[in-house]
Amino acid sequence: MSKPKESEENKLKALVAKRKEVSDNRPAFVRQESWRYVRIHPEWRKPKGVDSKMRRQDKGWPALVRVGYRGPVAARGLHPSGHREVLVHRAKDLDSLVPGTDVARIGRTVGAKKRETILGRANELGIRVVNPTGLRIIESEK
């Protein structure tokens, strides 16, 4: 039974590696003329001018954002470890997770007491928690 799980893990890790490879080859999309003027921030905005050389994709101008630069569909939304990341706000949410393929991320609004119960339940079920920190306050007060 462990063979299919290992091959599935390898597939997920390969997808994440492919996503990283695509990301490394993706150009840095910058706003037109942001390198020229301080007042123009580099965050991407689509060039819409009639005479815009960037919109016309003249040689020597930065690339436009296009759908072809996206990563593999199956790898989107995966944690860098290759697991599916699920947001958890209570211990009951952990019951629907699969230990081999899912990892839990505790919501940012969850308090220390409930966080402690979620971490305890995750240890029982063998589910990895991506952000287990936040208990230092409780430990230092005791």
N, C-alpha and C. Protein backbone atom coordinates (compact mmCIF):
# COMPACT_ATOMS: atom_id res chain seq x y z
N MET A 1 0.80 -1.20 0.00
CA MET A 1 0.00 0.00 0.00
C MET A 1 0.85 1.27 0.00
N SER A 2 2.09 1.18 0.46
CA SER A 2 2.93 2.37 0.54
C SER A 2 3.50 2.76 -0.83
N LYS A 3 3.52 1.86 -1.78
CA LYS A 3 4.07 2.16 -3.11
C LYS A 3 3.29 3.28 -3.81
N PRO A 4 1.93 3.18 -3.91
CA PRO A 4 1.20 4.25 -4.60
C PRO A 4 1.37 5.60 -3.92
N LYS A 5 1.44 5.61 -2.59
CA LYS A 5 1.60 6.86 -1.86
C LYS A 5 2.94 7.51 -2.20
N GLU A 6 3.99 6.69 -2.28
CA GLU A 6 5.32 7.21 -2.61
C GLU A 6 5.34 7.78 -4.02
N SER A 7 4.71 7.08 -4.96
CA SER A 7 4.70 7.58 -6.33
C SER A 7 3.88 8.87 -6.43
N GLU A 8 2.82 8.96 -5.63
CA GLU A 8 2.01 10.18 -5.62
C GLU A 8 2.81 11.35 -5.05
N GLU A 9 3.57 11.08 -4.00
CA GLU A 9 4.44 12.11 -3.43
C GLU A 9 5.48 12.56 -4.44
N ASN A 10 6.04 11.61 -5.18
CA ASN A 10 7.04 11.95 -6.20
C ASN A 10 6.43 12.80 -7.30
N LYS A 11 5.19 12.47 -7.68
CA LYS A 11 4.50 13.27 -8.71
C LYS A 11 4.30 14.70 -8.23
N LEU A 12 3.85 14.84 -6.96
CA LEU A 12 3.62 16.18 -6.42
C LEU A 12 4.92 16.97 -6.33
N LYS A 13 6.00 16.31 -5.91
CA LYS A 13 7.28 17.00 -5.81
C LYS A 13 7.80 17.38 -7.20
N ALA A 14 7.53 16.53 -8.19
CA ALA A 14 7.92 16.85 -9.56
C ALA A 14 7.14 18.05 -10.08
N LEU A 15 5.85 18.11 -9.74
CA LEU A 15 5.02 19.25 -10.14
C LEU A 15 5.53 20.55 -9.51
N VAL A 16 5.88 20.48 -8.24
CA VAL A 16 6.40 21.66 -7.55
C VAL A 16 7.73 22.09 -8.16
N ALA A 17 8.56 21.11 -8.51
CA ALA A 17 9.84 21.42 -9.16
C ALA A 17 9.62 22.07 -10.52
N LYS A 18 8.64 21.57 -11.27
CA LYS A 18 8.31 22.15 -12.58
C LYS A 18 7.80 23.58 -12.41
N ARG A 19 6.95 23.79 -11.37
CA ARG A 19 6.43 25.13 -11.09
C ARG A 19 7.58 26.08 -10.77
N LYS A 20 8.56 25.61 -10.01
CA LYS A 20 9.72 26.43 -9.66
C LYS A 20 10.55 26.75 -10.91
N GLU A 21 10.70 25.75 -11.78
CA GLU A 21 11.46 25.95 -13.02
C GLU A 21 10.79 27.00 -13.91
N VAL A 22 9.46 26.91 -14.03
CA VAL A 22 8.71 27.88 -14.83
C VAL A 22 8.83 29.26 -14.21
N SER A 23 8.76 29.31 -12.87
CA SER A 23 8.85 30.58 -12.16
C SER A 23 10.22 31.23 -12.34
N ASP A 24 11.26 30.41 -12.37
CA ASP A 24 12.61 30.94 -12.55
C ASP A 24 12.80 31.54 -13.94
N ASN A 25 12.11 30.98 -14.94
CA ASN A 25 12.25 31.48 -16.31
C ASN A 25 11.28 32.61 -16.63
N ARG A 26 10.37 32.91 -15.70
CA ARG A 26 9.38 33.96 -15.92
C ARG A 26 10.05 35.32 -15.79
N PRO A 27 9.80 36.24 -16.71
CA PRO A 27 10.42 37.57 -16.59
C PRO A 27 9.81 38.37 -15.45
N ALA A 28 10.54 39.36 -15.00
CA ALA A 28 10.02 40.25 -13.97
C ALA A 28 9.10 41.25 -14.67
N PHE A 29 7.81 41.14 -14.42
CA PHE A 29 6.84 42.03 -15.07
C PHE A 29 6.82 43.36 -14.33
N VAL A 30 7.21 44.41 -15.03
CA VAL A 30 7.26 45.73 -14.42
C VAL A 30 6.35 46.69 -15.17
N ARG A 31 5.91 47.72 -14.47
CA ARG A 31 5.08 48.74 -15.08
C ARG A 31 5.91 49.57 -16.06
N GLN A 32 5.28 49.96 -17.13
CA GLN A 32 5.96 50.70 -18.18
C GLN A 32 6.60 51.98 -17.64
N GLU A 33 7.86 52.18 -17.96
CA GLU A 33 8.65 53.36 -17.61
C GLU A 33 8.85 53.53 -16.10
N SER A 34 8.61 52.46 -15.33
CA SER A 34 8.83 52.56 -13.88
C SER A 34 10.32 52.70 -13.56
N TRP A 35 11.16 52.24 -14.45
CA TRP A 35 12.60 52.37 -14.26
C TRP A 35 13.07 53.78 -14.57
N ARG A 36 12.21 54.57 -15.19
CA ARG A 36 12.58 55.90 -15.64
C ARG A 36 12.19 56.99 -14.66
N TYR A 37 11.03 56.81 -14.01
CA TYR A 37 10.51 57.83 -13.10
C TYR A 37 10.32 57.25 -11.70
N VAL A 38 10.76 57.99 -10.69
CA VAL A 38 10.64 57.53 -9.31
C VAL A 38 9.18 57.47 -8.89
N ARG A 39 8.35 58.38 -9.40
CA ARG A 39 6.95 58.46 -8.99
C ARG A 39 6.11 57.28 -9.50
N ILE A 40 6.63 56.54 -10.47
CA ILE A 40 5.90 55.39 -11.01
C ILE A 40 6.44 54.13 -10.35
N HIS A 41 5.57 53.45 -9.62
CA HIS A 41 5.98 52.24 -8.90
C HIS A 41 6.05 51.05 -9.86
N PRO A 42 6.92 50.09 -9.58
CA PRO A 42 7.12 48.98 -10.52
C PRO A 42 6.01 47.93 -10.55
N GLU A 43 5.00 48.02 -9.67
CA GLU A 43 3.93 47.02 -9.68
C GLU A 43 3.25 47.01 -11.04
N TRP A 44 2.91 45.82 -11.51
CA TRP A 44 2.40 45.63 -12.85
C TRP A 44 1.08 46.37 -13.09
N ARG A 45 1.04 47.11 -14.19
CA ARG A 45 -0.18 47.70 -14.73
C ARG A 45 -0.13 47.46 -16.23
N LYS A 46 -1.25 47.10 -16.80
CA LYS A 46 -1.28 46.83 -18.24
C LYS A 46 -1.11 48.13 -19.02
N PRO A 47 -0.17 48.17 -19.97
CA PRO A 47 -0.01 49.39 -20.78
C PRO A 47 -1.17 49.53 -21.76
N LYS A 48 -1.80 50.71 -21.78
CA LYS A 48 -3.00 50.89 -22.60
C LYS A 48 -2.89 52.05 -23.58
N GLY A 49 -1.72 52.66 -23.65
CA GLY A 49 -1.58 53.80 -24.55
C GLY A 49 -1.62 53.41 -26.02
N VAL A 50 -2.12 54.30 -26.86
CA VAL A 50 -2.24 54.04 -28.29
C VAL A 50 -0.86 53.84 -28.92
N ASP A 51 0.09 54.65 -28.52
CA ASP A 51 1.43 54.58 -29.09
C ASP A 51 2.41 53.82 -28.19
N SER A 52 1.93 53.10 -27.21
CA SER A 52 2.79 52.42 -26.24
C SER A 52 3.62 51.33 -26.92
N LYS A 53 4.94 51.48 -26.79
CA LYS A 53 5.84 50.49 -27.38
C LYS A 53 5.78 49.17 -26.63
N MET A 54 5.49 49.24 -25.36
CA MET A 54 5.39 48.03 -24.56
C MET A 54 4.12 47.25 -24.94
N ARG A 55 3.01 47.97 -25.15
CA ARG A 55 1.76 47.32 -25.56
C ARG A 55 1.92 46.67 -26.93
N ARG A 56 2.65 47.35 -27.82
CA ARG A 56 2.87 46.80 -29.17
C ARG A 56 3.92 45.71 -29.18
N GLN A 57 4.59 45.50 -28.04
CA GLN A 57 5.63 44.49 -27.86
C GLN A 57 6.81 44.72 -28.80
N ASP A 58 7.25 45.97 -28.87
CA ASP A 58 8.43 46.29 -29.65
C ASP A 58 9.65 45.61 -29.02
N LYS A 59 10.61 45.30 -29.85
CA LYS A 59 11.83 44.65 -29.39
C LYS A 59 12.57 45.56 -28.41
N GLY A 60 13.04 44.97 -27.33
CA GLY A 60 13.79 45.73 -26.34
C GLY A 60 12.95 46.23 -25.18
N TRP A 61 11.65 46.05 -25.23
CA TRP A 61 10.77 46.49 -24.15
C TRP A 61 10.36 45.27 -23.31
N PRO A 62 10.04 45.48 -22.02
CA PRO A 62 9.70 44.34 -21.15
C PRO A 62 8.47 43.57 -21.63
N ALA A 63 8.40 42.32 -21.25
CA ALA A 63 7.29 41.44 -21.66
C ALA A 63 6.01 41.81 -20.94
N LEU A 64 4.90 41.50 -21.59
CA LEU A 64 3.58 41.69 -20.99
C LEU A 64 3.18 40.43 -20.23
N VAL A 65 2.32 40.62 -19.25
CA VAL A 65 1.79 39.48 -18.51
C VAL A 65 0.88 38.70 -19.45
N ARG A 66 1.13 37.41 -19.57
CA ARG A 66 0.34 36.54 -20.45
C ARG A 66 0.05 35.24 -19.75
N VAL A 67 -1.00 34.57 -20.15
CA VAL A 67 -1.39 33.31 -19.53
C VAL A 67 -0.35 32.21 -19.76
N GLY A 68 0.44 32.32 -20.79
CA GLY A 68 1.45 31.32 -21.10
C GLY A 68 2.59 31.25 -20.09
N TYR A 69 2.70 32.25 -19.23
CA TYR A 69 3.76 32.25 -18.23
C TYR A 69 3.34 31.53 -16.95
N ARG A 70 2.09 31.05 -16.88
CA ARG A 70 1.60 30.39 -15.67
C ARG A 70 2.26 29.03 -15.47
N GLY A 71 2.22 28.57 -14.23
CA GLY A 71 2.78 27.27 -13.89
C GLY A 71 1.78 26.17 -14.20
N PRO A 72 2.14 24.91 -13.96
CA PRO A 72 1.25 23.79 -14.24
C PRO A 72 -0.04 23.88 -13.41
N VAL A 73 -1.15 23.53 -14.01
CA VAL A 73 -2.46 23.64 -13.35
C VAL A 73 -2.48 22.80 -12.08
N ALA A 74 -1.95 21.58 -12.15
CA ALA A 74 -2.00 20.67 -11.00
C ALA A 74 -1.14 21.16 -9.84
N ALA A 75 -0.14 22.00 -10.11
CA ALA A 75 0.76 22.45 -9.06
C ALA A 75 0.30 23.75 -8.41
N ARG A 76 -0.73 24.38 -8.94
CA ARG A 76 -1.19 25.64 -8.38
C ARG A 76 -1.85 25.41 -7.03
N GLY A 77 -1.50 26.24 -6.07
CA GLY A 77 -2.08 26.13 -4.74
C GLY A 77 -1.40 25.12 -3.84
N LEU A 78 -0.38 24.44 -4.32
CA LEU A 78 0.33 23.47 -3.48
C LEU A 78 1.37 24.19 -2.62
N HIS A 79 1.59 23.64 -1.45
CA HIS A 79 2.64 24.13 -0.57
C HIS A 79 3.99 23.74 -1.19
N PRO A 80 5.07 24.48 -0.95
CA PRO A 80 6.36 24.10 -1.53
C PRO A 80 6.82 22.69 -1.19
N SER A 81 6.27 22.10 -0.13
CA SER A 81 6.62 20.72 0.21
C SER A 81 5.95 19.72 -0.72
N GLY A 82 5.00 20.18 -1.53
CA GLY A 82 4.30 19.30 -2.46
C GLY A 82 2.96 18.83 -1.95
N HIS A 83 2.55 19.31 -0.79
CA HIS A 83 1.27 18.92 -0.21
C HIS A 83 0.21 19.99 -0.44
N ARG A 84 -1.06 19.56 -0.36
CA ARG A 84 -2.17 20.50 -0.50
C ARG A 84 -2.34 21.22 0.83
N GLU A 85 -2.39 22.54 0.80
CA GLU A 85 -2.48 23.33 2.02
C GLU A 85 -3.94 23.64 2.33
N VAL A 86 -4.36 23.36 3.57
CA VAL A 86 -5.75 23.58 3.98
C VAL A 86 -5.75 24.51 5.19
N LEU A 87 -6.59 25.53 5.15
CA LEU A 87 -6.71 26.48 6.24
C LEU A 87 -7.61 25.90 7.33
N VAL A 88 -7.14 25.93 8.57
CA VAL A 88 -7.85 25.31 9.69
C VAL A 88 -8.13 26.37 10.75
N HIS A 89 -9.39 26.41 11.23
CA HIS A 89 -9.75 27.34 12.29
C HIS A 89 -10.18 26.64 13.57
N ARG A 90 -10.43 25.35 13.51
CA ARG A 90 -10.83 24.59 14.71
C ARG A 90 -10.35 23.15 14.55
N ALA A 91 -10.28 22.44 15.67
CA ALA A 91 -9.75 21.08 15.67
C ALA A 91 -10.58 20.14 14.82
N LYS A 92 -11.88 20.39 14.72
CA LYS A 92 -12.78 19.54 13.94
C LYS A 92 -12.44 19.57 12.45
N ASP A 93 -11.86 20.67 11.99
CA ASP A 93 -11.49 20.80 10.57
C ASP A 93 -10.40 19.80 10.16
N LEU A 94 -9.63 19.32 11.13
CA LEU A 94 -8.53 18.39 10.83
C LEU A 94 -9.02 17.01 10.44
N ASP A 95 -10.26 16.66 10.81
CA ASP A 95 -10.78 15.32 10.53
C ASP A 95 -10.92 15.04 9.04
N SER A 96 -11.13 16.09 8.24
CA SER A 96 -11.32 15.89 6.81
C SER A 96 -10.01 15.84 6.02
N LEU A 97 -8.88 16.06 6.71
CA LEU A 97 -7.58 16.08 6.03
C LEU A 97 -6.99 14.68 5.90
N VAL A 98 -6.26 14.47 4.80
CA VAL A 98 -5.56 13.21 4.56
C VAL A 98 -4.09 13.42 4.96
N PRO A 99 -3.58 12.62 5.94
CA PRO A 99 -2.22 12.87 6.44
C PRO A 99 -1.12 12.85 5.38
N GLY A 100 -1.22 12.03 4.36
CA GLY A 100 -0.14 11.94 3.38
C GLY A 100 -0.10 13.07 2.38
N THR A 101 -1.26 13.63 2.04
CA THR A 101 -1.31 14.61 0.96
C THR A 101 -1.62 16.03 1.41
N ASP A 102 -2.18 16.19 2.62
CA ASP A 102 -2.59 17.51 3.09
C ASP A 102 -1.71 18.00 4.22
N VAL A 103 -1.52 19.31 4.29
CA VAL A 103 -0.90 19.95 5.45
C VAL A 103 -1.85 21.04 5.92
N ALA A 104 -1.82 21.32 7.22
CA ALA A 104 -2.73 22.30 7.80
C ALA A 104 -2.01 23.61 8.03
N ARG A 105 -2.73 24.70 7.81
CA ARG A 105 -2.25 26.04 8.16
C ARG A 105 -3.30 26.63 9.10
N ILE A 106 -2.88 26.95 10.32
CA ILE A 106 -3.80 27.50 11.30
C ILE A 106 -4.10 28.95 10.92
N GLY A 107 -5.38 29.31 10.95
CA GLY A 107 -5.80 30.67 10.60
C GLY A 107 -5.19 31.71 11.52
N ARG A 108 -5.00 32.89 11.01
CA ARG A 108 -4.31 33.93 11.78
C ARG A 108 -5.13 34.47 12.94
N THR A 109 -6.46 34.29 12.90
CA THR A 109 -7.31 34.81 13.96
C THR A 109 -7.50 33.82 15.10
N VAL A 110 -6.90 32.64 14.99
CA VAL A 110 -7.05 31.62 16.03
C VAL A 110 -6.18 31.99 17.22
N GLY A 111 -6.77 31.95 18.41
CA GLY A 111 -6.07 32.30 19.64
C GLY A 111 -5.17 31.18 20.13
N ALA A 112 -4.40 31.47 21.18
CA ALA A 112 -3.40 30.54 21.69
C ALA A 112 -4.03 29.27 22.26
N LYS A 113 -5.15 29.40 22.95
CA LYS A 113 -5.77 28.23 23.57
C LYS A 113 -6.28 27.25 22.52
N LYS A 114 -6.98 27.76 21.53
CA LYS A 114 -7.51 26.90 20.47
C LYS A 114 -6.37 26.39 19.59
N ARG A 115 -5.34 27.19 19.40
CA ARG A 115 -4.16 26.77 18.63
C ARG A 115 -3.51 25.56 19.28
N GLU A 116 -3.46 25.56 20.62
CA GLU A 116 -2.88 24.45 21.35
C GLU A 116 -3.69 23.17 21.14
N THR A 117 -5.02 23.27 21.16
CA THR A 117 -5.86 22.09 20.93
C THR A 117 -5.73 21.59 19.49
N ILE A 118 -5.62 22.52 18.54
CA ILE A 118 -5.46 22.13 17.13
C ILE A 118 -4.13 21.40 16.95
N LEU A 119 -3.06 21.90 17.55
CA LEU A 119 -1.75 21.25 17.43
C LEU A 119 -1.75 19.87 18.07
N GLY A 120 -2.44 19.73 19.21
CA GLY A 120 -2.54 18.43 19.85
C GLY A 120 -3.28 17.43 18.99
N ARG A 121 -4.39 17.85 18.42
CA ARG A 121 -5.19 16.98 17.55
C ARG A 121 -4.41 16.62 16.28
N ALA A 122 -3.66 17.58 15.74
CA ALA A 122 -2.87 17.32 14.54
C ALA A 122 -1.79 16.27 14.82
N ASN A 123 -1.19 16.32 16.00
CA ASN A 123 -0.19 15.31 16.38
C ASN A 123 -0.82 13.93 16.49
N GLU A 124 -2.04 13.86 17.03
CA GLU A 124 -2.75 12.58 17.14
C GLU A 124 -3.02 11.98 15.76
N LEU A 125 -3.45 12.83 14.84
CA LEU A 125 -3.81 12.36 13.49
C LEU A 125 -2.61 12.21 12.57
N GLY A 126 -1.46 12.73 12.98
CA GLY A 126 -0.27 12.65 12.14
C GLY A 126 -0.29 13.63 10.99
N ILE A 127 -0.91 14.78 11.19
CA ILE A 127 -1.01 15.81 10.16
C ILE A 127 0.02 16.89 10.46
N ARG A 128 0.76 17.30 9.44
CA ARG A 128 1.77 18.34 9.59
C ARG A 128 1.11 19.71 9.60
N VAL A 129 1.53 20.56 10.54
CA VAL A 129 1.04 21.93 10.62
C VAL A 129 2.15 22.84 10.11
N VAL A 130 1.83 23.67 9.14
CA VAL A 130 2.82 24.51 8.48
C VAL A 130 3.29 25.64 9.38
N ASN A 131 2.37 26.20 10.19
CA ASN A 131 2.72 27.32 11.06
C ASN A 131 2.41 26.98 12.53
N PRO A 132 3.23 26.13 13.15
CA PRO A 132 2.94 25.70 14.51
C PRO A 132 3.35 26.70 15.59
N THR A 133 3.97 27.81 15.23
CA THR A 133 4.44 28.77 16.22
C THR A 133 3.26 29.52 16.85
N GLY A 134 3.55 30.26 17.90
CA GLY A 134 2.51 31.03 18.56
C GLY A 134 2.24 30.53 19.95
N LEU A 135 2.85 29.40 20.35
CA LEU A 135 2.67 28.87 21.70
C LEU A 135 3.78 29.34 22.65
N ARG A 136 4.72 30.09 22.18
CA ARG A 136 5.83 30.54 23.01
C ARG A 136 5.33 31.38 24.18
N ILE A 137 4.28 32.16 23.96
CA ILE A 137 3.72 33.04 24.99
C ILE A 137 3.20 32.19 26.15
N ILE A 138 2.46 31.13 25.85
CA ILE A 138 1.90 30.26 26.87
C ILE A 138 3.02 29.55 27.63
N GLU A 139 4.02 29.04 26.92
CA GLU A 139 5.11 28.32 27.54
C GLU A 139 5.93 29.21 28.46
N SER A 140 6.13 30.47 28.08
CA SER A 140 6.94 31.37 28.90
C SER A 140 6.19 31.82 30.15
N GLU A 141 4.83 31.87 30.10
CA GLU A 141 4.04 32.28 31.26
C GLU A 141 3.96 31.18 32.30
N LYS A 142 4.04 29.92 31.89
CA LYS A 142 3.90 28.79 32.83
C LYS A 142 5.07 28.63 33.75
